[in-house]
Amino acid sequence: MNYIKLELDDATYQYIKSKFNNDKKAMSTYVTKLLTEKIKNNSLNNEKINIENRTNDLKDYLKSGESGSRSYGIKGQGW
């Protein structure tokens, strides 16, 4: 496990301190859990966006050829 030291603004620190009655271990666990969940959610959202973009790019590419042209037929055939 790796460790980092965080600097919090006074309001945030006081909120966490009062929420956990100055229990440093509980405060640390809470902050770690929040950060981990936030990063995980951002990673999942970014992956969904990347997948949607790739899907849209492929659809746009396949639609870019004119009907009746050679490239139009080839694009959808996987040749």
C-alpha atoms as a PDB file:
ATOM      1  CA  MET A   1       0.000   0.000   0.000  1.00  0.00           C
ATOM      2  CA  ASN A   2       1.208   3.503  -0.788  1.00  0.00           C
ATOM      3  CA  TYR A   3       0.643   6.601   1.280  1.00  0.00           C
ATOM      4  CA  ILE A   4       0.216  10.279   0.519  1.00  0.00           C
ATOM      5  CA  LYS A   5      -0.248  13.260   2.768  1.00  0.00           C
ATOM      6  CA  LEU A   6      -3.237  15.453   1.948  1.00  0.00           C
ATOM      7  CA  GLU A   7      -3.773  19.085   2.800  1.00  0.00           C
ATOM      8  CA  LEU A   8      -7.448  19.894   3.355  1.00  0.00           C
ATOM      9  CA  ASP A   9      -9.081  23.263   3.668  1.00  0.00           C
ATOM     10  CA  ASP A  10     -10.257  24.105   7.192  1.00  0.00           C
ATOM     11  CA  ALA A  11     -13.963  23.583   6.501  1.00  0.00           C
ATOM     12  CA  THR A  12     -13.422  20.125   5.005  1.00  0.00           C
ATOM     13  CA  TYR A  13     -11.116  19.069   7.814  1.00  0.00           C
ATOM     14  CA  GLN A  14     -13.502  20.312  10.503  1.00  0.00           C
ATOM     15  CA  TYR A  15     -16.404  18.489   8.867  1.00  0.00           C
ATOM     16  CA  ILE A  16     -14.526  15.178   8.775  1.00  0.00           C
ATOM     17  CA  LYS A  17     -13.107  15.709  12.254  1.00  0.00           C
ATOM     18  CA  SER A  18     -16.534  16.338  13.773  1.00  0.00           C
ATOM     19  CA  LYS A  19     -18.164  13.517  11.793  1.00  0.00           C
ATOM     20  CA  PHE A  20     -15.716  10.976  13.261  1.00  0.00           C
ATOM     21  CA  ASN A  21     -15.071  12.588  16.668  1.00  0.00           C
ATOM     22  CA  ASN A  22     -11.415  13.189  15.796  1.00  0.00           C
ATOM     23  CA  ASP A  23     -10.802   9.451  15.235  1.00  0.00           C
ATOM     24  CA  LYS A  24      -7.834   9.676  12.839  1.00  0.00           C
ATOM     25  CA  LYS A  25      -8.183   6.093  11.627  1.00  0.00           C
ATOM     26  CA  ALA A  26     -11.889   6.525  10.801  1.00  0.00           C
ATOM     27  CA  MET A  27     -11.154   9.857   9.117  1.00  0.00           C
ATOM     28  CA  SER A  28      -8.446   8.286   6.976  1.00  0.00           C
ATOM     29  CA  THR A  29     -10.653   5.334   6.024  1.00  0.00           C
ATOM     30  CA  TYR A  30     -13.490   7.677   5.050  1.00  0.00           C
ATOM     31  CA  VAL A  31     -11.311   9.888   2.846  1.00  0.00           C
ATOM     32  CA  THR A  32      -9.618   6.882   1.233  1.00  0.00           C
ATOM     33  CA  LYS A  33     -12.980   5.307   0.434  1.00  0.00           C
ATOM     34  CA  LEU A  34     -14.324   8.555  -1.054  1.00  0.00           C
ATOM     35  CA  LEU A  35     -11.278   9.029  -3.272  1.00  0.00           C
ATOM     36  CA  THR A  36     -11.248   5.417  -4.410  1.00  0.00           C
ATOM     37  CA  GLU A  37     -14.941   5.482  -5.345  1.00  0.00           C
ATOM     38  CA  LYS A  38     -14.629   8.821  -7.132  1.00  0.00           C
ATOM     39  CA  ILE A  39     -11.654   7.659  -9.187  1.00  0.00           C
ATOM     40  CA  LYS A  40     -13.355   4.359 -10.002  1.00  0.00           C
ATOM     41  CA  ASN A  41     -16.524   6.149 -11.159  1.00  0.00           C
ATOM     42  CA  ASN A  42     -14.516   8.585 -13.283  1.00  0.00           C
ATOM     43  CA  SER A  43     -12.593   5.718 -14.861  1.00  0.00           C
ATOM     44  CA  LEU A  44     -15.807   3.859 -15.687  1.00  0.00           C
ATOM     45  CA  ASN A  45     -17.407   7.003 -17.122  1.00  0.00           C
ATOM     46  CA  ASN A  46     -14.337   7.712 -19.247  1.00  0.00           C
ATOM     47  CA  GLU A  47     -14.318   4.132 -20.541  1.00  0.00           C
ATOM     48  CA  LYS A  48     -18.020   4.399 -21.477  1.00  0.00           C
ATOM     49  CA  ILE A  49     -17.323   7.663 -23.326  1.00  0.00           C
ATOM     50  CA  ASN A  50     -14.391   6.086 -25.174  1.00  0.00           C
ATOM     51  CA  ILE A  51     -16.502   3.087 -26.208  1.00  0.00           C
ATOM     52  CA  GLU A  52     -19.343   5.355 -27.377  1.00  0.00           C
ATOM     53  CA  ASN A  53     -16.898   7.488 -29.367  1.00  0.00           C
ATOM     54  CA  ARG A  54     -15.355   4.439 -31.041  1.00  0.00           C
ATOM     55  CA  THR A  55     -18.818   3.106 -31.909  1.00  0.00           C
ATOM     56  CA  ASN A  56     -19.894   6.458 -33.325  1.00  0.00           C
ATOM     57  CA  ASP A  57     -16.656   6.782 -35.309  1.00  0.00           C
ATOM     58  CA  LEU A  58     -17.241   3.375 -36.898  1.00  0.00           C
ATOM     59  CA  LYS A  59     -20.861   4.200 -37.719  1.00  0.00           C
ATOM     60  CA  ASP A  60     -19.808   7.519 -39.263  1.00  0.00           C
ATOM     61  CA  TYR A  61     -17.111   5.778 -41.306  1.00  0.00           C
ATOM     62  CA  LEU A  62     -19.512   3.160 -42.603  1.00  0.00           C
ATOM     63  CA  LYS A  63     -22.045   5.839 -43.539  1.00  0.00           C
ATOM     64  CA  SER A  64     -19.427   8.032 -45.252  1.00  0.00           C
ATOM     65  CA  GLY A  65     -19.373   6.095 -48.531  1.00  0.00           C
ATOM     66  CA  GLU A  66     -21.904   6.921 -51.185  1.00  0.00           C
ATOM     67  CA  SER A  67     -24.507   4.321 -52.000  1.00  0.00           C
ATOM     68  CA  GLY A  68     -23.555   2.452 -55.174  1.00  0.00           C
ATOM     69  CA  SER A  69     -19.831   3.170 -54.912  1.00  0.00           C
ATOM     70  CA  ARG A  70     -17.291   0.383 -54.539  1.00  0.00           C
ATOM     71  CA  SER A  71     -16.095   1.638 -51.156  1.00  0.00           C
ATOM     72  CA  TYR A  72     -19.652   1.664 -49.791  1.00  0.00           C
ATOM     73  CA  GLY A  73     -20.051  -2.087 -50.321  1.00  0.00           C
ATOM     74  CA  ILE A  74     -16.584  -2.980 -49.133  1.00  0.00           C
ATOM     75  CA  LYS A  75     -16.788  -1.094 -45.817  1.00  0.00           C
ATOM     76  CA  GLY A  76     -19.454  -3.324 -44.354  1.00  0.00           C
ATOM     77  CA  GLN A  77     -17.978  -6.579 -45.641  1.00  0.00           C
ATOM     78  CA  GLY A  78     -14.856  -6.761 -43.491  1.00  0.00           C
ATOM     79  CA  TRP A  79     -12.556  -7.187 -46.527  1.00  0.00           C
END
